[in-house]
Amino acid sequence: MKGFSSIAVVGTTLVALGTVMACGNGALAASINNRPITTIPTGTSLQNTLDGITISDPGIDVVNDQSPFALFDNTSSGGAIGTLVAEIAGFAPGNQFGLYSSNNPNNKALIFDGPSTPFDRAFITFFENGDVQVNDNPIVKGVGDSFGFYLHTPENNTFYTEDSRNDGNPQALVYQGDNVTELKLDGLDSGTFVDTEFIFAFEDLPFSNSDKDYNDSIVHISGIKPAAVPEPMTILGSTLALGFGGLFKRQMSKRQKN
């Protein structure tokens, strides 16, 4: 029976591992989304908008160049820079774009408010203690080293770069720089779209009721990188260790009682 109990614990542990890896709120699943989303119509204003800031091939394909990354980290000692590229939406005057802590989505730092207009810029400072400040706004404490981006609408909906926080729905598309394509944002000199630059394109209606054109809020952020994703084998080792540790404690407790 002891052998059977050991096998049962291992089996339960492996099931738990599968749950952690499959769960939308799990550490592994939350960092990565399932992409690409092919429901977005080609040739829509999102593609036109991205083509409008591209000055060299290969450019950005709205379907094939989608990135799966959902969480990010600061990579520049000088902080990050956000540029509002476009808002093609009826909610544009009231939409709010910002970043949130991956540990607490209620801990948010507003980057662009409704009155912002295309090609407005914001400077994002990341302090060594995990605090964040946008421009001269009040410091947001405890954001930490891992964050995502959100869009809050006048209908009081908040959508996140993590699909798992949108009931599994893809409310945001992410495009990472390819180190080749040249971009030119209005009023700025042209430059290479490097891999520490990302473009975020949000849908501002719930996915099931939306037109899925992802052009409601389009923002360029430079000076960030994808957040670290836990290695599957590291998770496996940790989970098995916890399982065997629990089994050992129970066996020792039984022996002491006997």
C-alpha atoms as a PDB file:
ATOM      1  CA  MET A   1       0.000   0.000   0.000  1.00  0.00           C
ATOM      2  CA  LYS A   2       2.954   2.345   0.647  1.00  0.00           C
ATOM      3  CA  GLY A   3       4.096   1.870  -2.932  1.00  0.00           C
ATOM      4  CA  PHE A   4       0.602   2.605  -4.152  1.00  0.00           C
ATOM      5  CA  SER A   5       0.464   5.765  -2.028  1.00  0.00           C
ATOM      6  CA  SER A   6       3.756   6.962  -3.483  1.00  0.00           C
ATOM      7  CA  ILE A   7       2.511   6.412  -7.019  1.00  0.00           C
ATOM      8  CA  ALA A   8      -0.719   8.202  -6.196  1.00  0.00           C
ATOM      9  CA  VAL A   9       1.144  11.227  -4.873  1.00  0.00           C
ATOM     10  CA  VAL A  10       3.344  11.352  -7.976  1.00  0.00           C
ATOM     11  CA  GLY A  11       0.256  11.052 -10.178  1.00  0.00           C
ATOM     12  CA  THR A  12      -1.512  13.801  -8.275  1.00  0.00           C
ATOM     13  CA  THR A  13       1.593  15.969  -8.534  1.00  0.00           C
ATOM     14  CA  LEU A  14       1.816  15.490 -12.285  1.00  0.00           C
ATOM     15  CA  VAL A  15      -1.869  16.365 -12.638  1.00  0.00           C
ATOM     16  CA  ALA A  16      -1.226  19.519 -10.641  1.00  0.00           C
ATOM     17  CA  LEU A  17       1.688  20.335 -12.944  1.00  0.00           C
ATOM     18  CA  GLY A  18      -0.555  19.961 -15.954  1.00  0.00           C
ATOM     19  CA  THR A  19      -3.103  22.228 -14.315  1.00  0.00           C
ATOM     20  CA  VAL A  20      -0.468  24.905 -13.633  1.00  0.00           C
ATOM     21  CA  MET A  21       0.791  24.799 -17.211  1.00  0.00           C
ATOM     22  CA  ALA A  22      -2.668  24.777 -18.763  1.00  0.00           C
ATOM     23  CA  CYS A  23      -4.399  27.235 -16.447  1.00  0.00           C
ATOM     24  CA  GLY A  24      -4.941  30.682 -17.878  1.00  0.00           C
ATOM     25  CA  ASN A  25      -3.774  32.282 -14.632  1.00  0.00           C
ATOM     26  CA  GLY A  26      -0.698  30.086 -14.292  1.00  0.00           C
ATOM     27  CA  ALA A  27       2.780  31.618 -14.381  1.00  0.00           C
ATOM     28  CA  LEU A  28       3.660  29.948 -17.669  1.00  0.00           C
ATOM     29  CA  ALA A  29       0.359  30.477 -19.470  1.00  0.00           C
ATOM     30  CA  ALA A  30      -0.006  34.108 -18.418  1.00  0.00           C
ATOM     31  CA  SER A  31       3.299  35.146 -20.039  1.00  0.00           C
ATOM     32  CA  ILE A  32       2.419  33.697 -23.450  1.00  0.00           C
ATOM     33  CA  ASN A  33      -0.722  34.003 -25.570  1.00  0.00           C
ATOM     34  CA  ASN A  34      -1.856  31.683 -28.343  1.00  0.00           C
ATOM     35  CA  ARG A  35      -1.055  33.516 -31.565  1.00  0.00           C
ATOM     36  CA  PRO A  36      -1.657  34.333 -34.351  1.00  0.00           C
ATOM     37  CA  ILE A  37      -5.316  35.331 -34.312  1.00  0.00           C
ATOM     38  CA  THR A  38      -6.529  34.947 -37.864  1.00  0.00           C
ATOM     39  CA  THR A  39      -9.985  36.493 -37.433  1.00  0.00           C
ATOM     40  CA  ILE A  40      -8.638  39.992 -37.993  1.00  0.00           C
ATOM     41  CA  PRO A  41      -9.590  41.126 -41.502  1.00  0.00           C
ATOM     42  CA  THR A  42      -6.605  41.797 -43.751  1.00  0.00           C
ATOM     43  CA  GLY A  43      -6.429  45.177 -45.398  1.00  0.00           C
ATOM     44  CA  THR A  44      -8.216  46.934 -42.515  1.00  0.00           C
ATOM     45  CA  SER A  45      -7.181  50.266 -41.058  1.00  0.00           C
ATOM     46  CA  LEU A  46      -4.794  48.520 -38.642  1.00  0.00           C
ATOM     47  CA  GLN A  47      -2.756  47.245 -41.576  1.00  0.00           C
ATOM     48  CA  ASN A  48      -3.071  50.626 -43.247  1.00  0.00           C
ATOM     49  CA  THR A  49      -1.913  52.367 -40.064  1.00  0.00           C
ATOM     50  CA  LEU A  50       1.128  50.129 -39.688  1.00  0.00           C
ATOM     51  CA  ASP A  51       1.935  50.545 -43.380  1.00  0.00           C
ATOM     52  CA  GLY A  52       1.696  54.293 -42.851  1.00  0.00           C
ATOM     53  CA  ILE A  53       4.573  54.320 -40.345  1.00  0.00           C
ATOM     54  CA  THR A  54       6.701  51.796 -42.297  1.00  0.00           C
ATOM     55  CA  ILE A  55       9.287  53.069 -44.766  1.00  0.00           C
ATOM     56  CA  SER A  56      11.132  49.851 -45.669  1.00  0.00           C
ATOM     57  CA  ASP A  57      10.471  46.155 -46.181  1.00  0.00           C
ATOM     58  CA  PRO A  58       9.626  43.637 -44.850  1.00  0.00           C
ATOM     59  CA  GLY A  59       7.115  45.717 -42.894  1.00  0.00           C
ATOM     60  CA  ILE A  60       4.569  44.407 -40.387  1.00  0.00           C
ATOM     61  CA  ASP A  61       1.907  41.891 -41.379  1.00  0.00           C
ATOM     62  CA  VAL A  62      -1.082  42.224 -39.039  1.00  0.00           C
ATOM     63  CA  VAL A  63      -1.709  38.458 -38.977  1.00  0.00           C
ATOM     64  CA  ASN A  64       1.589  36.689 -39.573  1.00  0.00           C
ATOM     65  CA  ASP A  65       3.776  38.963 -37.430  1.00  0.00           C
ATOM     66  CA  GLN A  66       1.751  38.733 -34.216  1.00  0.00           C
ATOM     67  CA  SER A  67       3.876  38.064 -31.141  1.00  0.00           C
ATOM     68  CA  PRO A  68       2.685  35.711 -28.367  1.00  0.00           C
ATOM     69  CA  PHE A  69       4.261  37.766 -25.572  1.00  0.00           C
ATOM     70  CA  ALA A  70       1.852  39.130 -22.964  1.00  0.00           C
ATOM     71  CA  LEU A  71       4.088  40.327 -20.123  1.00  0.00           C
ATOM     72  CA  PHE A  72       7.134  42.559 -20.250  1.00  0.00           C
ATOM     73  CA  ASP A  73      10.099  43.961 -18.350  1.00  0.00           C
ATOM     74  CA  ASN A  74      12.121  47.142 -18.603  1.00  0.00           C
ATOM     75  CA  THR A  75      15.328  46.814 -20.605  1.00  0.00           C
ATOM     76  CA  SER A  76      16.630  50.383 -20.837  1.00  0.00           C
ATOM     77  CA  SER A  77      18.500  52.138 -18.040  1.00  0.00           C
ATOM     78  CA  GLY A  78      16.800  55.346 -19.129  1.00  0.00           C
ATOM     79  CA  GLY A  79      13.291  53.894 -18.932  1.00  0.00           C
ATOM     80  CA  ALA A  80      10.776  53.341 -21.722  1.00  0.00           C
ATOM     81  CA  ILE A  81       9.072  55.689 -24.178  1.00  0.00           C
ATOM     82  CA  GLY A  82       5.477  55.341 -25.326  1.00  0.00           C
ATOM     83  CA  THR A  83       4.040  56.903 -28.485  1.00  0.00           C
ATOM     84  CA  LEU A  84       0.337  56.935 -29.271  1.00  0.00           C
ATOM     85  CA  VAL A  85       0.193  55.941 -32.954  1.00  0.00           C
ATOM     86  CA  ALA A  86      -3.548  55.999 -33.596  1.00  0.00           C
ATOM     87  CA  GLU A  87      -7.009  55.658 -32.049  1.00  0.00           C
ATOM     88  CA  ILE A  88      -9.649  54.727 -34.607  1.00  0.00           C
ATOM     89  CA  ALA A  89     -12.610  54.331 -32.274  1.00  0.00           C
ATOM     90  CA  GLY A  90     -15.723  56.059 -31.057  1.00  0.00           C
ATOM     91  CA  PHE A  91     -14.377  55.602 -27.524  1.00  0.00           C
ATOM     92  CA  ALA A  92     -11.124  57.402 -28.367  1.00  0.00           C
ATOM     93  CA  PRO A  93     -11.913  60.513 -26.251  1.00  0.00           C
ATOM     94  CA  GLY A  94     -12.356  58.309 -23.167  1.00  0.00           C
ATOM     95  CA  ASN A  95     -10.059  55.333 -23.680  1.00  0.00           C
ATOM     96  CA  GLN A  96      -7.149  55.002 -21.246  1.00  0.00           C
ATOM     97  CA  PHE A  97      -3.968  53.065 -22.012  1.00  0.00           C
ATOM     98  CA  GLY A  98      -1.430  52.076 -19.391  1.00  0.00           C
ATOM     99  CA  LEU A  99       0.584  49.337 -17.758  1.00  0.00           C
ATOM    100  CA  TYR A 100      -0.291  47.058 -14.857  1.00  0.00           C
ATOM    101  CA  SER A 101       1.588  44.825 -12.457  1.00  0.00           C
ATOM    102  CA  SER A 102       1.506  41.148 -13.412  1.00  0.00           C
ATOM    103  CA  ASN A 103       1.137  40.340  -9.701  1.00  0.00           C
ATOM    104  CA  ASN A 104      -1.777  42.715  -9.188  1.00  0.00           C
ATOM    105  CA  PRO A 105      -3.722  43.946 -12.245  1.00  0.00           C
ATOM    106  CA  ASN A 106      -5.390  46.590 -10.087  1.00  0.00           C
ATOM    107  CA  ASN A 107      -1.999  48.251  -9.633  1.00  0.00           C
ATOM    108  CA  LYS A 108      -1.905  50.412 -12.774  1.00  0.00           C
ATOM    109  CA  ALA A 109       0.108  53.282 -14.205  1.00  0.00           C
ATOM    110  CA  LEU A 110      -1.763  55.432 -16.733  1.00  0.00           C
ATOM    111  CA  ILE A 111       0.273  56.252 -19.847  1.00  0.00           C
ATOM    112  CA  PHE A 112      -2.233  57.866 -22.242  1.00  0.00           C
ATOM    113  CA  ASP A 113      -5.541  59.367 -21.172  1.00  0.00           C
ATOM    114  CA  GLY A 114      -8.580  59.988 -23.383  1.00  0.00           C
ATOM    115  CA  PRO A 115      -7.598  63.540 -24.398  1.00  0.00           C
ATOM    116  CA  SER A 116      -4.277  62.250 -25.809  1.00  0.00           C
ATOM    117  CA  THR A 117      -3.860  62.539 -29.561  1.00  0.00           C
ATOM    118  CA  PRO A 118      -1.827  60.529 -32.089  1.00  0.00           C
ATOM    119  CA  PHE A 119       1.940  60.794 -31.703  1.00  0.00           C
ATOM    120  CA  ASP A 120       1.750  62.153 -28.174  1.00  0.00           C
ATOM    121  CA  ARG A 121       4.648  60.721 -26.181  1.00  0.00           C
ATOM    122  CA  ALA A 122       5.089  59.524 -22.610  1.00  0.00           C
ATOM    123  CA  PHE A 123       8.249  58.788 -20.639  1.00  0.00           C
ATOM    124  CA  ILE A 124       8.089  55.781 -18.297  1.00  0.00           C
ATOM    125  CA  THR A 125      10.588  55.534 -15.454  1.00  0.00           C
ATOM    126  CA  PHE A 126      11.233  52.214 -13.708  1.00  0.00           C
ATOM    127  CA  PHE A 127      12.814  52.528 -10.275  1.00  0.00           C
ATOM    128  CA  GLU A 128      14.993  49.809  -8.750  1.00  0.00           C
ATOM    129  CA  ASN A 129      12.442  49.170  -5.976  1.00  0.00           C
ATOM    130  CA  GLY A 130       9.731  48.244  -8.503  1.00  0.00           C
ATOM    131  CA  ASP A 131       7.948  51.617  -8.525  1.00  0.00           C
ATOM    132  CA  VAL A 132       6.920  53.233 -11.815  1.00  0.00           C
ATOM    133  CA  GLN A 133       6.365  56.842 -12.841  1.00  0.00           C
ATOM    134  CA  VAL A 134       4.889  58.137 -16.120  1.00  0.00           C
ATOM    135  CA  ASN A 135       6.045  61.659 -17.010  1.00  0.00           C
ATOM    136  CA  ASP A 136       5.585  63.761 -13.870  1.00  0.00           C
ATOM    137  CA  ASN A 137       2.545  61.850 -12.642  1.00  0.00           C
ATOM    138  CA  PRO A 138       2.468  60.453  -9.087  1.00  0.00           C
ATOM    139  CA  ILE A 139       4.701  57.416  -8.583  1.00  0.00           C
ATOM    140  CA  VAL A 140       2.872  54.075  -8.681  1.00  0.00           C
ATOM    141  CA  LYS A 141       4.373  51.842  -6.030  1.00  0.00           C
ATOM    142  CA  GLY A 142       5.041  48.114  -6.184  1.00  0.00           C
ATOM    143  CA  VAL A 143       4.516  47.412  -9.876  1.00  0.00           C
ATOM    144  CA  GLY A 144       7.532  45.104  -9.866  1.00  0.00           C
ATOM    145  CA  ASP A 145       9.698  43.738 -12.658  1.00  0.00           C
ATOM    146  CA  SER A 146       6.924  42.160 -14.735  1.00  0.00           C
ATOM    147  CA  PHE A 147       4.033  44.064 -16.242  1.00  0.00           C
ATOM    148  CA  GLY A 148       1.437  43.984 -18.982  1.00  0.00           C
ATOM    149  CA  PHE A 149      -0.507  46.693 -20.788  1.00  0.00           C
ATOM    150  CA  TYR A 150      -4.208  47.484 -20.519  1.00  0.00           C
ATOM    151  CA  LEU A 151      -6.943  49.507 -22.181  1.00  0.00           C
ATOM    152  CA  HIS A 152      -9.788  50.895 -20.056  1.00  0.00           C
ATOM    153  CA  THR A 153     -12.910  52.070 -21.904  1.00  0.00           C
ATOM    154  CA  PRO A 154     -15.732  54.516 -21.074  1.00  0.00           C
ATOM    155  CA  GLU A 155     -18.037  51.488 -20.725  1.00  0.00           C
ATOM    156  CA  ASN A 156     -15.908  50.511 -17.707  1.00  0.00           C
ATOM    157  CA  ASN A 157     -14.327  47.525 -19.442  1.00  0.00           C
ATOM    158  CA  THR A 158     -10.656  46.847 -18.898  1.00  0.00           C
ATOM    159  CA  PHE A 159      -8.773  44.669 -21.365  1.00  0.00           C
ATOM    160  CA  TYR A 160      -5.287  43.242 -20.867  1.00  0.00           C
ATOM    161  CA  THR A 161      -2.406  41.959 -22.962  1.00  0.00           C
ATOM    162  CA  GLU A 162      -2.845  38.659 -21.085  1.00  0.00           C
ATOM    163  CA  ASP A 163      -5.692  36.734 -22.713  1.00  0.00           C
ATOM    164  CA  SER A 164      -6.212  34.914 -19.427  1.00  0.00           C
ATOM    165  CA  ARG A 165      -7.404  38.168 -17.831  1.00  0.00           C
ATOM    166  CA  ASN A 166      -9.950  38.656 -20.649  1.00  0.00           C
ATOM    167  CA  ASP A 167     -11.761  35.362 -20.024  1.00  0.00           C
ATOM    168  CA  GLY A 168      -9.353  33.807 -22.508  1.00  0.00           C
ATOM    169  CA  ASN A 169     -10.194  36.262 -25.283  1.00  0.00           C
ATOM    170  CA  PRO A 170      -7.574  38.068 -27.409  1.00  0.00           C
ATOM    171  CA  GLN A 171      -8.258  41.763 -26.818  1.00  0.00           C
ATOM    172  CA  ALA A 172      -4.754  42.909 -27.786  1.00  0.00           C
ATOM    173  CA  LEU A 173      -2.349  42.098 -30.598  1.00  0.00           C
ATOM    174  CA  VAL A 174       1.385  42.570 -30.035  1.00  0.00           C
ATOM    175  CA  TYR A 175       4.092  43.130 -32.653  1.00  0.00           C
ATOM    176  CA  GLN A 176       7.783  42.907 -31.747  1.00  0.00           C
ATOM    177  CA  GLY A 177      10.512  44.641 -33.729  1.00  0.00           C
ATOM    178  CA  ASP A 178      12.336  42.451 -36.252  1.00  0.00           C
ATOM    179  CA  ASN A 179      15.627  44.433 -36.311  1.00  0.00           C
ATOM    180  CA  VAL A 180      15.143  45.026 -40.055  1.00  0.00           C
ATOM    181  CA  THR A 181      11.992  47.044 -40.785  1.00  0.00           C
ATOM    182  CA  GLU A 182      12.382  50.824 -40.761  1.00  0.00           C
ATOM    183  CA  LEU A 183       9.671  52.871 -39.062  1.00  0.00           C
ATOM    184  CA  LYS A 184       8.996  56.579 -38.988  1.00  0.00           C
ATOM    185  CA  LEU A 185       6.681  58.016 -36.364  1.00  0.00           C
ATOM    186  CA  ASP A 186       5.261  61.441 -37.162  1.00  0.00           C
ATOM    187  CA  GLY A 187       7.665  64.245 -36.289  1.00  0.00           C
ATOM    188  CA  LEU A 188      10.517  61.870 -35.402  1.00  0.00           C
ATOM    189  CA  ASP A 189      13.495  60.661 -37.369  1.00  0.00           C
ATOM    190  CA  SER A 190      13.217  57.216 -38.954  1.00  0.00           C
ATOM    191  CA  GLY A 191      14.820  54.206 -37.294  1.00  0.00           C
ATOM    192  CA  THR A 192      15.013  50.430 -37.203  1.00  0.00           C
ATOM    193  CA  PHE A 193      12.148  48.619 -35.498  1.00  0.00           C
ATOM    194  CA  VAL A 194      14.390  46.761 -33.042  1.00  0.00           C
ATOM    195  CA  ASP A 195      13.436  43.852 -30.805  1.00  0.00           C
ATOM    196  CA  THR A 196      13.172  46.065 -27.715  1.00  0.00           C
ATOM    197  CA  GLU A 197      10.291  47.915 -29.388  1.00  0.00           C
ATOM    198  CA  PHE A 198       6.699  46.716 -29.492  1.00  0.00           C
ATOM    199  CA  ILE A 199       3.435  47.862 -31.014  1.00  0.00           C
ATOM    200  CA  PHE A 200       0.218  47.145 -29.113  1.00  0.00           C
ATOM    201  CA  ALA A 201      -3.118  47.132 -30.950  1.00  0.00           C
ATOM    202  CA  PHE A 202      -6.262  46.868 -28.802  1.00  0.00           C
ATOM    203  CA  GLU A 203      -9.895  46.034 -29.469  1.00  0.00           C
ATOM    204  CA  ASP A 204     -12.037  48.215 -27.163  1.00  0.00           C
ATOM    205  CA  LEU A 205     -15.230  46.138 -27.183  1.00  0.00           C
ATOM    206  CA  PRO A 206     -15.630  42.664 -25.629  1.00  0.00           C
ATOM    207  CA  PHE A 207     -14.327  40.149 -28.150  1.00  0.00           C
ATOM    208  CA  SER A 208     -17.681  38.458 -28.814  1.00  0.00           C
ATOM    209  CA  ASN A 209     -19.319  41.820 -29.647  1.00  0.00           C
ATOM    210  CA  SER A 210     -16.413  43.464 -31.444  1.00  0.00           C
ATOM    211  CA  ASP A 211     -15.519  43.969 -35.085  1.00  0.00           C
ATOM    212  CA  LYS A 212     -12.063  42.473 -34.335  1.00  0.00           C
ATOM    213  CA  ASP A 213     -10.191  45.111 -36.278  1.00  0.00           C
ATOM    214  CA  TYR A 214      -7.804  45.930 -33.386  1.00  0.00           C
ATOM    215  CA  ASN A 215      -7.358  49.551 -34.412  1.00  0.00           C
ATOM    216  CA  ASP A 216      -9.065  51.184 -31.419  1.00  0.00           C
ATOM    217  CA  SER A 217      -5.813  52.013 -29.630  1.00  0.00           C
ATOM    218  CA  ILE A 218      -2.414  51.522 -31.272  1.00  0.00           C
ATOM    219  CA  VAL A 219       0.636  52.327 -29.151  1.00  0.00           C
ATOM    220  CA  HIS A 220       4.370  52.006 -29.770  1.00  0.00           C
ATOM    221  CA  ILE A 221       6.559  51.276 -26.721  1.00  0.00           C
ATOM    222  CA  SER A 222      10.369  51.241 -26.824  1.00  0.00           C
ATOM    223  CA  GLY A 223      12.797  50.113 -24.127  1.00  0.00           C
ATOM    224  CA  ILE A 224      11.084  46.906 -22.986  1.00  0.00           C
ATOM    225  CA  LYS A 225      11.576  43.173 -23.442  1.00  0.00           C
ATOM    226  CA  PRO A 226       9.439  40.061 -22.936  1.00  0.00           C
ATOM    227  CA  ALA A 227       9.223  38.973 -19.308  1.00  0.00           C
ATOM    228  CA  ALA A 228      11.087  35.790 -18.440  1.00  0.00           C
ATOM    229  CA  VAL A 229       9.047  32.614 -18.946  1.00  0.00           C
ATOM    230  CA  PRO A 230       9.617  29.793 -16.406  1.00  0.00           C
ATOM    231  CA  GLU A 231      11.320  26.760 -17.929  1.00  0.00           C
ATOM    232  CA  PRO A 232       8.906  23.782 -18.049  1.00  0.00           C
ATOM    233  CA  MET A 233      11.493  21.435 -16.509  1.00  0.00           C
ATOM    234  CA  THR A 234      12.102  23.908 -13.674  1.00  0.00           C
ATOM    235  CA  ILE A 235       8.386  23.917 -12.913  1.00  0.00           C
ATOM    236  CA  LEU A 236       8.348  20.097 -13.127  1.00  0.00           C
ATOM    237  CA  GLY A 237      11.283  19.759 -10.735  1.00  0.00           C
ATOM    238  CA  SER A 238       9.807  22.194  -8.222  1.00  0.00           C
ATOM    239  CA  THR A 239       6.380  20.577  -8.347  1.00  0.00           C
ATOM    240  CA  LEU A 240       7.746  17.051  -7.932  1.00  0.00           C
ATOM    241  CA  ALA A 241       9.924  18.220  -5.052  1.00  0.00           C
ATOM    242  CA  LEU A 242       6.882  19.655  -3.292  1.00  0.00           C
ATOM    243  CA  GLY A 243       4.967  16.427  -3.882  1.00  0.00           C
ATOM    244  CA  PHE A 244       7.694  14.168  -2.551  1.00  0.00           C
ATOM    245  CA  GLY A 245       8.302  16.556   0.352  1.00  0.00           C
ATOM    246  CA  GLY A 246       4.654  16.272   1.381  1.00  0.00           C
ATOM    247  CA  LEU A 247       4.787  12.473   1.082  1.00  0.00           C
ATOM    248  CA  PHE A 248       7.944  12.302   3.229  1.00  0.00           C
ATOM    249  CA  LYS A 249       6.381  14.448   5.952  1.00  0.00           C
ATOM    250  CA  ARG A 250       3.246  12.297   6.075  1.00  0.00           C
ATOM    251  CA  GLN A 251       5.280   9.077   6.299  1.00  0.00           C
ATOM    252  CA  MET A 252       7.456  10.517   9.094  1.00  0.00           C
ATOM    253  CA  SER A 253       4.339  11.610  10.978  1.00  0.00           C
ATOM    254  CA  LYS A 254       2.846   8.102  10.743  1.00  0.00           C
ATOM    255  CA  ARG A 255       6.068   6.527  11.997  1.00  0.00           C
ATOM    256  CA  GLN A 256       6.234   8.863  14.989  1.00  0.00           C
ATOM    257  CA  LYS A 257       2.645   8.003  15.899  1.00  0.00           C
ATOM    258  CA  ASN A 258       3.413   4.289  15.698  1.00  0.00           C
END
